[in-house]
Amino acid sequence: MPIKHLLVHLDPSKQSTSRLRLACDLAARHDAHLVGLYVAQPLSPAPMFMEPAFYVDTAELEPAVQRWRCEQEEESRWVETCFQEQLRKAAISGEFRAATGDALTRAA
């Protein structure tokens, strides 16, 4: 059975670079379309509120949330740039997708 579509999970780790190279090799070998998926982990402030004596003014959280979003967007752009470069080098077709949530759930 021929492979026509491949999905590879991407992140800024060294392991991701290895996964991407392997996925590009497979896609090139099978003339398959490669989808690179980057999943930003959701910001979960729940642990901060588990301690009853701990109080956080939600107005103070907003700048931290904005910084986190900016960092996630920057990381996503960097990962996409690396992905597109590998596609170009391998001369294969592909597309990049970014989402927020649990990586396993989003890939399913």
Protein backbone atom coordinates (compact mmCIF):
# COMPACT_ATOMS: atom_id res chain seq x y z
CA MET A 1 0.00 0.00 0.00
CA PRO A 2 1.56 3.32 -1.04
CA ILE A 3 2.06 6.12 1.46
CA LYS A 4 0.53 9.35 0.17
CA HIS A 5 0.19 11.47 3.31
CA LEU A 6 2.42 11.78 6.35
CA LEU A 7 1.96 13.72 9.57
CA VAL A 8 4.91 14.77 11.71
CA HIS A 9 4.68 16.44 15.12
CA LEU A 10 6.95 19.47 15.32
CA ASP A 11 8.39 21.38 18.26
CA PRO A 12 11.66 23.26 18.88
CA SER A 13 13.50 20.21 20.28
CA LYS A 14 16.44 18.30 18.77
CA GLN A 15 14.21 15.23 18.60
CA SER A 16 11.82 17.16 16.39
CA THR A 17 14.63 17.89 13.96
CA SER A 18 15.33 14.15 13.72
CA ARG A 19 11.62 13.37 13.28
CA LEU A 20 11.36 15.96 10.53
CA ARG A 21 14.37 14.59 8.64
CA LEU A 22 12.98 11.06 8.83
CA ALA A 23 9.53 12.26 7.73
CA CYS A 24 11.07 14.17 4.79
CA ASP A 25 13.05 11.08 3.75
CA LEU A 26 9.90 8.94 3.85
CA ALA A 27 7.86 11.54 1.99
CA ALA A 28 10.51 11.84 -0.72
CA ARG A 29 10.84 8.07 -1.05
CA HIS A 30 7.07 7.60 -1.42
CA ASP A 31 6.27 10.88 -3.21
CA ALA A 32 3.98 11.69 -0.27
CA HIS A 33 2.54 14.95 1.00
CA LEU A 34 3.95 15.92 4.41
CA VAL A 35 1.96 17.79 7.04
CA GLY A 36 3.93 19.38 9.87
CA LEU A 37 1.88 19.90 13.03
CA TYR A 38 2.98 22.26 15.79
CA VAL A 39 0.81 22.26 18.91
CA ALA A 40 1.23 25.03 21.46
CA GLN A 41 0.47 23.79 24.94
CA PRO A 42 -2.44 25.66 26.50
CA LEU A 43 -1.70 27.98 29.38
CA SER A 44 -3.18 26.36 32.44
CA PRO A 45 -3.25 28.55 35.54
CA ALA A 46 -5.20 25.90 37.50
CA PRO A 47 -2.24 24.84 39.71
CA MET A 48 -1.87 28.44 40.89
CA PHE A 49 -5.34 28.35 42.39
CA MET A 50 -5.03 25.03 44.20
CA GLU A 51 -3.46 26.59 47.28
CA PRO A 52 -6.30 28.25 49.24
CA ALA A 53 -4.05 30.92 50.76
CA PHE A 54 -2.74 31.93 47.33
CA TYR A 55 -4.52 34.83 45.67
CA VAL A 56 -3.74 36.27 42.26
CA ASP A 57 -5.36 39.37 40.90
CA THR A 58 -6.50 38.34 37.40
CA ALA A 59 -5.52 41.78 36.09
CA GLU A 60 -1.93 40.91 37.00
CA LEU A 61 -2.16 37.68 35.02
CA GLU A 62 -3.02 39.36 31.73
CA PRO A 63 0.53 40.59 30.94
CA ALA A 64 1.90 37.11 31.65
CA VAL A 65 -0.73 35.54 29.42
CA GLN A 66 0.11 38.00 26.63
CA ARG A 67 3.84 37.23 26.96
CA TRP A 68 3.09 33.50 26.81
CA ARG A 69 0.99 33.95 23.67
CA CYS A 70 3.73 36.00 22.01
CA GLU A 71 6.34 33.36 22.91
CA GLN A 72 4.12 30.60 21.50
CA GLU A 73 3.56 32.54 18.27
CA GLU A 74 7.28 33.22 17.92
CA GLU A 75 8.08 29.55 18.53
CA SER A 76 5.46 28.51 15.98
CA ARG A 77 6.94 30.82 13.33
CA TRP A 78 10.44 29.46 14.00
CA VAL A 79 9.25 25.85 13.76
CA GLU A 80 7.36 26.64 10.54
CA THR A 81 10.45 28.26 9.02
CA CYS A 82 12.51 25.15 9.80
CA PHE A 83 9.78 22.93 8.36
CA GLN A 84 9.50 24.94 5.13
CA GLU A 85 13.30 24.89 4.72
CA GLN A 86 13.39 21.10 5.05
CA LEU A 87 10.55 20.77 2.52
CA ARG A 88 12.49 22.94 0.09
CA LYS A 89 15.71 20.96 0.57
CA ALA A 90 13.92 17.64 0.10
CA ALA A 91 11.86 18.98 -2.83
CA ILE A 92 8.64 17.55 -1.43
CA SER A 93 5.12 18.91 -1.05
CA GLY A 94 3.79 19.75 2.35
CA GLU A 95 1.94 22.10 4.59
CA PHE A 96 2.33 23.49 8.09
CA ARG A 97 -0.44 23.56 10.66
CA ALA A 98 -0.43 25.12 14.10
CA ALA A 99 -2.91 24.56 16.90
CA THR A 100 -3.27 25.02 20.65
CA GLY A 101 -4.10 22.12 22.92
CA ASP A 102 -2.91 18.65 23.78
CA ALA A 103 -0.68 17.34 20.95
CA LEU A 104 -2.18 13.84 21.02
CA THR A 105 -5.74 15.13 20.92
CA ARG A 106 -5.03 17.63 18.12
CA ALA A 107 -3.29 15.05 15.93
CA ALA A 108 -6.16 12.57 16.18
